[in-house]
């Protein structure tokens, strides 16, 4: 909340919050990711130092930010203070494909999916 929601939306009343405000927040987060990548790639030590402890916000974290806001606004909808939860209306880019599972000697998938059991003795 303190890193993304409060700086971008903390000055707004929840009944004045619109989808465009949330999309602007997510656009600002993605733009900041681009700045981090640009500064890290530069040879200027001042730019590299400016983003030294900052990490880009990935797609999963962006979804968690939206879900946090959605969960925070849901009680207001139930109480009738809001007519709609605008966080549930925000369109996010599709998730990247998950990595396929690896079937190696330590994955437990050898031998028809059975794991070897150890006997105590």
Foldseek 3Di string as FASTA:
>chain_A
DVPQCCVQPVVDDPQPDALVSVVVSVVVLVVVQVQQVVLCPDPDVVSCVVCVPPDRQDPVNSVVVLVVQQVVCVVCCVVVVYVDRNSVVHDDDDDDDDDDDDDDPPPCPPPPNHDDDDDDD
